[in-house]
PDB file of N, CA and C in Angstrom:
ATOM      1  N   MET A   1       0.813  -1.185   0.000  1.00  0.00           N
ATOM      2  CA  MET A   1       0.000   0.000   0.000  1.00  0.00           C
ATOM      3  C   MET A   1       0.862   1.255   0.000  1.00  0.00           C
ATOM      4  N   LYS A   2       1.997   1.192   0.644  1.00  0.00           N
ATOM      5  CA  LYS A   2       2.861   2.362   0.721  1.00  0.00           C
ATOM      6  C   LYS A   2       3.372   2.759  -0.658  1.00  0.00           C
ATOM      7  N   LYS A   3       3.688   1.770  -1.494  1.00  0.00           N
ATOM      8  CA  LYS A   3       4.176   2.067  -2.838  1.00  0.00           C
ATOM      9  C   LYS A   3       3.079   2.715  -3.672  1.00  0.00           C
ATOM     10  N   THR A   4       1.849   2.241  -3.520  1.00  0.00           N
ATOM     11  CA  THR A   4       0.723   2.813  -4.254  1.00  0.00           C
ATOM     12  C   THR A   4       0.499   4.259  -3.826  1.00  0.00           C
ATOM     13  N   THR A   5       0.593   4.538  -2.561  1.00  0.00           N
ATOM     14  CA  THR A   5       0.427   5.898  -2.057  1.00  0.00           C
ATOM     15  C   THR A   5       1.529   6.802  -2.581  1.00  0.00           C
ATOM     16  N   HIS A   6       2.753   6.296  -2.590  1.00  0.00           N
ATOM     17  CA  HIS A   6       3.884   7.072  -3.101  1.00  0.00           C
ATOM     18  C   HIS A   6       3.691   7.384  -4.585  1.00  0.00           C
ATOM     19  N   MET A   7       3.251   6.396  -5.361  1.00  0.00           N
ATOM     20  CA  MET A   7       3.021   6.603  -6.791  1.00  0.00           C
ATOM     21  C   MET A   7       1.901   7.617  -6.998  1.00  0.00           C
ATOM     22  N   SER A   8       0.873   7.550  -6.172  1.00  0.00           N
ATOM     23  CA  SER A   8      -0.248   8.477  -6.283  1.00  0.00           C
ATOM     24  C   SER A   8       0.197   9.904  -5.982  1.00  0.00           C
ATOM     25  N   ILE A   9       1.001  10.067  -4.959  1.00  0.00           N
ATOM     26  CA  ILE A   9       1.509  11.395  -4.608  1.00  0.00           C
ATOM     27  C   ILE A   9       2.404  11.920  -5.722  1.00  0.00           C
ATOM     28  N   GLN A  10       3.253  11.059  -6.263  1.00  0.00           N
ATOM     29  CA  GLN A  10       4.125  11.464  -7.359  1.00  0.00           C
ATOM     30  C   GLN A  10       3.312  11.890  -8.579  1.00  0.00           C
ATOM     31  N   LYS A  11       2.248  11.166  -8.860  1.00  0.00           N
ATOM     32  CA  LYS A  11       1.405  11.501 -10.004  1.00  0.00           C
ATOM     33  C   LYS A  11       0.756  12.873  -9.815  1.00  0.00           C
ATOM     34  N   VAL A  12       0.304  13.168  -8.616  1.00  0.00           N
ATOM     35  CA  VAL A  12      -0.300  14.473  -8.337  1.00  0.00           C
ATOM     36  C   VAL A  12       0.743  15.581  -8.490  1.00  0.00           C
ATOM     37  N   VAL A  13       1.927  15.367  -7.970  1.00  0.00           N
ATOM     38  CA  VAL A  13       2.986  16.371  -8.056  1.00  0.00           C
ATOM     39  C   VAL A  13       3.349  16.641  -9.517  1.00  0.00           C
ATOM     40  N   TRP A  14       3.565  15.594 -10.297  1.00  0.00           N
ATOM     41  CA  TRP A  14       3.929  15.774 -11.707  1.00  0.00           C
ATOM     42  C   TRP A  14       2.773  16.365 -12.509  1.00  0.00           C
ATOM     43  N   SER A  15       1.547  16.038 -12.151  1.00  0.00           N
ATOM     44  CA  SER A  15       0.388  16.623 -12.833  1.00  0.00           C
ATOM     45  C   SER A  15       0.296  18.118 -12.562  1.00  0.00           C
ATOM     46  N   LEU A  16       0.528  18.505 -11.327  1.00  0.00           N
ATOM     47  CA  LEU A  16       0.522  19.935 -10.999  1.00  0.00           C
ATOM     48  C   LEU A  16       1.647  20.673 -11.708  1.00  0.00           C
ATOM     49  N   LEU A  17       2.808  20.056 -11.776  1.00  0.00           N
ATOM     50  CA  LEU A  17       3.929  20.666 -12.485  1.00  0.00           C
ATOM     51  C   LEU A  17       3.618  20.802 -13.977  1.00  0.00           C
ATOM     52  N   LEU A  18       2.962  19.817 -14.542  1.00  0.00           N
ATOM     53  CA  LEU A  18       2.554  19.886 -15.942  1.00  0.00           C
ATOM     54  C   LEU A  18       1.525  21.005 -16.146  1.00  0.00           C
ATOM     55  N   PHE A  19       0.591  21.147 -15.232  1.00  0.00           N
ATOM     56  CA  PHE A  19      -0.401  22.216 -15.306  1.00  0.00           C
ATOM     57  C   PHE A  19       0.273  23.584 -15.247  1.00  0.00           C
ATOM     58  N   VAL A  20       1.224  23.745 -14.345  1.00  0.00           N
ATOM     59  CA  VAL A  20       1.962  25.007 -14.240  1.00  0.00           C
ATOM     60  C   VAL A  20       2.729  25.270 -15.535  1.00  0.00           C
ATOM     61  N   ASP A  21       3.291  24.232 -16.104  1.00  0.00           N
ATOM     62  CA  ASP A  21       4.032  24.371 -17.352  1.00  0.00           C
ATOM     63  C   ASP A  21       3.115  24.831 -18.483  1.00  0.00           C
ATOM     64  N   VAL A  22       1.914  24.298 -18.546  1.00  0.00           N
ATOM     65  CA  VAL A  22       0.953  24.712 -19.575  1.00  0.00           C
ATOM     66  C   VAL A  22       0.566  26.177 -19.376  1.00  0.00           C
ATOM     67  N   LEU A  23       0.299  26.566 -18.141  1.00  0.00           N
ATOM     68  CA  LEU A  23      -0.037  27.972 -17.871  1.00  0.00           C
ATOM     69  C   LEU A  23       1.122  28.902 -18.229  1.00  0.00           C
ATOM     70  N   LEU A  24       2.322  28.494 -17.901  1.00  0.00           N
ATOM     71  CA  LEU A  24       3.502  29.292 -18.232  1.00  0.00           C
ATOM     72  C   LEU A  24       3.697  29.366 -19.741  1.00  0.00           C
ATOM     73  N   PHE A  25       3.387  28.294 -20.443  1.00  0.00           N
ATOM     74  CA  PHE A  25       3.484  28.277 -21.902  1.00  0.00           C
ATOM     75  C   PHE A  25       2.504  29.278 -22.514  1.00  0.00           C
ATOM     76  N   ILE A  26       1.284  29.300 -22.011  1.00  0.00           N
ATOM     77  CA  ILE A  26       0.284  30.246 -22.508  1.00  0.00           C
ATOM     78  C   ILE A  26       0.727  31.679 -22.234  1.00  0.00           C
ATOM     79  N   GLU A  27       1.257  31.904 -21.044  1.00  0.00           N
ATOM     80  CA  GLU A  27       1.745  33.234 -20.690  1.00  0.00           C
ATOM     81  C   GLU A  27       2.929  33.627 -21.566  1.00  0.00           C
ATOM     82  N   ALA A  28       3.832  32.710 -21.835  1.00  0.00           N
ATOM     83  CA  ALA A  28       5.010  33.003 -22.658  1.00  0.00           C
ATOM     84  C   ALA A  28       4.605  33.332 -24.087  1.00  0.00           C
ATOM     85  N   LEU A  29       3.608  32.638 -24.609  1.00  0.00           N
ATOM     86  CA  LEU A  29       3.146  32.933 -25.961  1.00  0.00           C
ATOM     87  C   LEU A  29       2.443  34.281 -26.042  1.00  0.00           C
ATOM     88  N   SER A  30       1.657  34.599 -25.047  1.00  0.00           N
ATOM     89  CA  SER A  30       0.885  35.844 -25.091  1.00  0.00           C
ATOM     90  C   SER A  30       1.757  37.079 -24.875  1.00  0.00           C
ATOM     91  N   THR A  31       2.853  36.940 -24.132  1.00  0.00           N
ATOM     92  CA  THR A  31       3.706  38.099 -23.857  1.00  0.00           C
ATOM     93  C   THR A  31       4.975  38.132 -24.694  1.00  0.00           C
ATOM     94  N   ASN A  32       5.213  37.102 -25.505  1.00  0.00           N
ATOM     95  CA  ASN A  32       6.429  37.011 -26.324  1.00  0.00           C
ATOM     96  C   ASN A  32       7.691  37.146 -25.474  1.00  0.00           C
ATOM     97  N   ASN A  33       7.680  36.517 -24.314  1.00  0.00           N
ATOM     98  CA  ASN A  33       8.793  36.572 -23.384  1.00  0.00           C
ATOM     99  C   ASN A  33       9.732  35.395 -23.669  1.00  0.00           C
ATOM    100  N   ILE A  34      10.938  35.703 -24.125  1.00  0.00           N
ATOM    101  CA  ILE A  34      11.904  34.665 -24.497  1.00  0.00           C
ATOM    102  C   ILE A  34      12.340  33.869 -23.265  1.00  0.00           C
ATOM    103  N   GLY A  35      12.543  34.529 -22.150  1.00  0.00           N
ATOM    104  CA  GLY A  35      12.952  33.841 -20.927  1.00  0.00           C
ATOM    105  C   GLY A  35      11.921  32.816 -20.479  1.00  0.00           C
ATOM    106  N   ALA A  36      10.654  33.199 -20.560  1.00  0.00           N
ATOM    107  CA  ALA A  36       9.586  32.267 -20.180  1.00  0.00           C
ATOM    108  C   ALA A  36       9.518  31.098 -21.151  1.00  0.00           C
ATOM    109  N   CYS A  37       9.747  31.363 -22.434  1.00  0.00           N
ATOM    110  CA  CYS A  37       9.763  30.271 -23.428  1.00  0.00           C
ATOM    111  C   CYS A  37      10.874  29.273 -23.117  1.00  0.00           C
ATOM    112  N   LEU A  38      12.031  29.783 -22.781  1.00  0.00           N
ATOM    113  CA  LEU A  38      13.150  28.901 -22.439  1.00  0.00           C
ATOM    114  C   LEU A  38      12.844  28.101 -21.173  1.00  0.00           C
ATOM    115  N   LEU A  39      12.243  28.762 -20.193  1.00  0.00           N
ATOM    116  CA  LEU A  39      11.865  28.075 -18.957  1.00  0.00           C
ATOM    117  C   LEU A  39      10.852  26.972 -19.242  1.00  0.00           C
ATOM    118  N   VAL A  40       9.883  27.245 -20.121  1.00  0.00           N
ATOM    119  CA  VAL A  40       8.883  26.247 -20.496  1.00  0.00           C
ATOM    120  C   VAL A  40       9.556  25.047 -21.157  1.00  0.00           C
ATOM    121  N   MET A  41      10.521  25.311 -22.052  1.00  0.00           N
ATOM    122  CA  MET A  41      11.213  24.204 -22.722  1.00  0.00           C
ATOM    123  C   MET A  41      11.981  23.338 -21.733  1.00  0.00           C
ATOM    124  N   VAL A  42      12.683  23.964 -20.807  1.00  0.00           N
ATOM    125  CA  VAL A  42      13.460  23.211 -19.814  1.00  0.00           C
ATOM    126  C   VAL A  42      12.523  22.426 -18.899  1.00  0.00           C
ATOM    127  N   LEU A  43      11.461  23.059 -18.452  1.00  0.00           N
ATOM    128  CA  LEU A  43      10.501  22.390 -17.576  1.00  0.00           C
ATOM    129  C   LEU A  43       9.817  21.224 -18.288  1.00  0.00           C
ATOM    130  N   SER A  44       9.510  21.405 -19.557  1.00  0.00           N
ATOM    131  CA  SER A  44       8.887  20.332 -20.337  1.00  0.00           C
ATOM    132  C   SER A  44       9.813  19.128 -20.468  1.00  0.00           C
ATOM    133  N   GLU A  45      11.083  19.377 -20.691  1.00  0.00           N
ATOM    134  CA  GLU A  45      12.047  18.278 -20.783  1.00  0.00           C
ATOM    135  C   GLU A  45      12.176  17.543 -19.454  1.00  0.00           C
ATOM    136  N   ILE A  46      12.188  18.268 -18.367  1.00  0.00           N
ATOM    137  CA  ILE A  46      12.262  17.639 -17.046  1.00  0.00           C
ATOM    138  C   ILE A  46      11.033  16.766 -16.813  1.00  0.00           C
ATOM    139  N   ILE A  47       9.865  17.297 -17.144  1.00  0.00           N
ATOM    140  CA  ILE A  47       8.631  16.526 -16.971  1.00  0.00           C
ATOM    141  C   ILE A  47       8.657  15.285 -17.841  1.00  0.00           C
ATOM    142  N   TYR A  48       9.123  15.421 -19.083  1.00  0.00           N
ATOM    143  CA  TYR A  48       9.136  14.279 -19.994  1.00  0.00           C
ATOM    144  C   TYR A  48      10.089  13.182 -19.513  1.00  0.00           C
ATOM    145  N   PHE A  49      11.293  13.561 -19.122  1.00  0.00           N
ATOM    146  CA  PHE A  49      12.283  12.551 -18.762  1.00  0.00           C
ATOM    147  C   PHE A  49      12.130  12.012 -17.342  1.00  0.00           C
ATOM    148  N   LYS A  50      11.696  12.832 -16.413  1.00  0.00           N
ATOM    149  CA  LYS A  50      11.598  12.392 -15.022  1.00  0.00           C
ATOM    150  C   LYS A  50      10.185  11.966 -14.611  1.00  0.00           C
ATOM    151  N   GLY A  51       9.156  12.637 -15.140  1.00  0.00           N
ATOM    152  CA  GLY A  51       7.803  12.391 -14.671  1.00  0.00           C
ATOM    153  C   GLY A  51       6.941  11.548 -15.583  1.00  0.00           C
ATOM    154  N   ASN A  52       7.452  11.184 -16.746  1.00  0.00           N
ATOM    155  CA  ASN A  52       6.652  10.433 -17.716  1.00  0.00           C
ATOM    156  C   ASN A  52       6.176   9.095 -17.155  1.00  0.00           C
ATOM    157  N   ARG A  53       7.016   8.408 -16.409  1.00  0.00           N
ATOM    158  CA  ARG A  53       6.610   7.093 -15.884  1.00  0.00           C
ATOM    159  C   ARG A  53       5.505   7.216 -14.846  1.00  0.00           C
ATOM    160  N   TYR A  54       5.459   8.336 -14.134  1.00  0.00           N
ATOM    161  CA  TYR A  54       4.387   8.531 -13.155  1.00  0.00           C
ATOM    162  C   TYR A  54       3.092   8.955 -13.830  1.00  0.00           C
ATOM    163  N   LEU A  55       3.202   9.806 -14.852  1.00  0.00           N
ATOM    164  CA  LEU A  55       2.011  10.318 -15.519  1.00  0.00           C
ATOM    165  C   LEU A  55       1.425   9.327 -16.510  1.00  0.00           C
ATOM    166  N   PHE A  56       2.270   8.705 -17.307  1.00  0.00           N
ATOM    167  CA  PHE A  56       1.784   7.879 -18.404  1.00  0.00           C
ATOM    168  C   PHE A  56       2.356   6.466 -18.403  1.00  0.00           C
ATOM    169  N   GLY A  57       2.892   6.004 -17.288  1.00  0.00           N
ATOM    170  CA  GLY A  57       3.535   4.698 -17.220  1.00  0.00           C
ATOM    171  C   GLY A  57       2.600   3.546 -17.532  1.00  0.00           C
ATOM    172  N   GLU A  58       1.408   3.552 -16.951  1.00  0.00           N
ATOM    173  CA  GLU A  58       0.447   2.475 -17.198  1.00  0.00           C
ATOM    174  C   GLU A  58      -0.003   2.477 -18.657  1.00  0.00           C
ATOM    175  N   PHE A  59      -0.268   3.664 -19.192  1.00  0.00           N
ATOM    176  CA  PHE A  59      -0.694   3.778 -20.586  1.00  0.00           C
ATOM    177  C   PHE A  59       0.392   3.266 -21.528  1.00  0.00           C
ATOM    178  N   ASP A  60       1.640   3.659 -21.279  1.00  0.00           N
ATOM    179  CA  ASP A  60       2.746   3.216 -22.129  1.00  0.00           C
ATOM    180  C   ASP A  60       2.924   1.703 -22.078  1.00  0.00           C
ATOM    181  N   ALA A  61       2.770   1.116 -20.890  1.00  0.00           N
ATOM    182  CA  ALA A  61       2.915  -0.338 -20.749  1.00  0.00           C
ATOM    183  C   ALA A  61       1.816  -1.069 -21.522  1.00  0.00           C
ATOM    184  N   LYS A  62       0.583  -0.578 -21.423  1.00  0.00           N
ATOM    185  CA  LYS A  62      -0.522  -1.208 -22.168  1.00  0.00           C
ATOM    186  C   LYS A  62      -0.316  -1.060 -23.668  1.00  0.00           C
ATOM    187  N   ARG A  63       0.102   0.123 -24.097  1.00  0.00           N
ATOM    188  CA  ARG A  63       0.338   0.355 -25.521  1.00  0.00           C
ATOM    189  C   ARG A  63       1.455  -0.542 -26.053  1.00  0.00           C
ATOM    190  N   LYS A  64       2.512  -0.692 -25.281  1.00  0.00           N
ATOM    191  CA  LYS A  64       3.624  -1.537 -25.705  1.00  0.00           C
ATOM    192  C   LYS A  64       3.193  -3.002 -25.790  1.00  0.00           C
ATOM    193  N   ALA A  65       2.382  -3.451 -24.838  1.00  0.00           N
ATOM    194  CA  ALA A  65       1.891  -4.831 -24.861  1.00  0.00           C
ATOM    195  C   ALA A  65       1.009  -5.066 -26.084  1.00  0.00           C
ATOM    196  N   LYS A  66       0.138  -4.126 -26.415  1.00  0.00           N
ATOM    197  CA  LYS A  66      -0.705  -4.256 -27.605  1.00  0.00           C
ATOM    198  C   LYS A  66       0.139  -4.276 -28.872  1.00  0.00           C
ATOM    199  N   TYR A  67       1.156  -3.431 -28.907  1.00  0.00           N
ATOM    200  CA  TYR A  67       2.039  -3.381 -30.058  1.00  0.00           C
ATOM    201  C   TYR A  67       2.766  -4.714 -30.249  1.00  0.00           C
ATOM    202  N   GLU A  68       3.274  -5.254 -29.169  1.00  0.00           N
ATOM    203  CA  GLU A  68       3.985  -6.534 -29.254  1.00  0.00           C
ATOM    204  C   GLU A  68       3.043  -7.650 -29.693  1.00  0.00           C
ATOM    205  N   GLU A  69       1.808  -7.637 -29.204  1.00  0.00           N
ATOM    206  CA  GLU A  69       0.828  -8.647 -29.593  1.00  0.00           C
ATOM    207  C   GLU A  69       0.511  -8.539 -31.086  1.00  0.00           C
ATOM    208  N   ARG A  70       0.295  -7.320 -31.574  1.00  0.00           N
ATOM    209  CA  ARG A  70       0.028  -7.123 -33.005  1.00  0.00           C
ATOM    210  C   ARG A  70       1.218  -7.534 -33.849  1.00  0.00           C
ATOM    211  N   LYS A  71       2.408  -7.231 -33.373  1.00  0.00           N
ATOM    212  CA  LYS A  71       3.627  -7.601 -34.102  1.00  0.00           C
ATOM    213  C   LYS A  71       3.751  -9.120 -34.187  1.00  0.00           C
ATOM    214  N   LYS A  72       3.481  -9.786 -33.078  1.00  0.00           N
ATOM    215  CA  LYS A  72       3.544 -11.246 -33.040  1.00  0.00           C
ATOM    216  C   LYS A  72       2.522 -11.848 -34.000  1.00  0.00           C
ATOM    217  N   ASN A  73       1.285 -11.335 -33.991  1.00  0.00           N
ATOM    218  CA  ASN A  73       0.245 -11.836 -34.890  1.00  0.00           C
ATOM    219  C   ASN A  73       0.602 -11.587 -36.349  1.00  0.00           C
ATOM    220  N   TYR A  74       1.141 -10.420 -36.647  1.00  0.00           N
ATOM    221  CA  TYR A  74       1.528 -10.098 -38.018  1.00  0.00           C
ATOM    222  C   TYR A  74       2.626 -11.029 -38.507  1.00  0.00           C
ATOM    223  N   LEU A  75       3.625 -11.255 -37.676  1.00  0.00           N
ATOM    224  CA  LEU A  75       4.716 -12.136 -38.079  1.00  0.00           C
ATOM    225  C   LEU A  75       4.230 -13.570 -38.250  1.00  0.00           C
ATOM    226  N   GLN A  76       3.288 -13.979 -37.407  1.00  0.00           N
ATOM    227  CA  GLN A  76       2.733 -15.314 -37.528  1.00  0.00           C
ATOM    228  C   GLN A  76       1.920 -15.460 -38.825  1.00  0.00           C
ATOM    229  N   GLN A  77       1.120 -14.447 -39.154  1.00  0.00           N
ATOM    230  CA  GLN A  77       0.360 -14.479 -40.397  1.00  0.00           C
ATOM    231  C   GLN A  77       1.290 -14.457 -41.601  1.00  0.00           C
ATOM    232  N   ARG A  78       2.335 -13.693 -41.513  1.00  0.00           N
ATOM    233  CA  ARG A  78       3.310 -13.600 -42.600  1.00  0.00           C
ATOM    234  C   ARG A  78       4.015 -14.947 -42.815  1.00  0.00           C
ATOM    235  N   ALA A  79       4.324 -15.630 -41.730  1.00  0.00           N
ATOM    236  CA  ALA A  79       4.987 -16.936 -41.819  1.00  0.00           C
ATOM    237  C   ALA A  79       4.031 -17.974 -42.411  1.00  0.00           C
ATOM    238  N   ASN A  80       2.739 -17.863 -42.098  1.00  0.00           N
ATOM    239  CA  ASN A  80       1.760 -18.820 -42.600  1.00  0.00           C
ATOM    240  C   ASN A  80       1.488 -18.646 -44.090  1.00  0.00           C
ATOM    241  N   THR A  81       1.669 -17.454 -44.620  1.00  0.00           N
ATOM    242  CA  THR A  81       1.396 -17.216 -46.035  1.00  0.00           C
ATOM    243  C   THR A  81       2.542 -17.674 -46.934  1.00  0.00           C
ATOM    244  N   LYS A  82       3.695 -17.889 -46.394  1.00  0.00           N
ATOM    245  CA  LYS A  82       4.853 -18.301 -47.223  1.00  0.00           C
ATOM    246  C   LYS A  82       4.840 -19.767 -47.507  1.00  0.00           C
TER     247      LYS A  82
END
């Protein structure tokens, strides 16, 4: 249970950081502020590399499993047609 709680807290933290990043992006576009644009880019990279597994980890795992299943079926069908 402790791991689930930790993952849940991490997901909330990364979601809030993503929300702040989106708001900062909108502000940077509306004011043409180069510094804010650079900050948005750096923050986005941090979120992508560090927080992606908390935000989209389950989705990525399901997508990868479906992809592997489709790949296996395709290769099997291809082998059967030869």
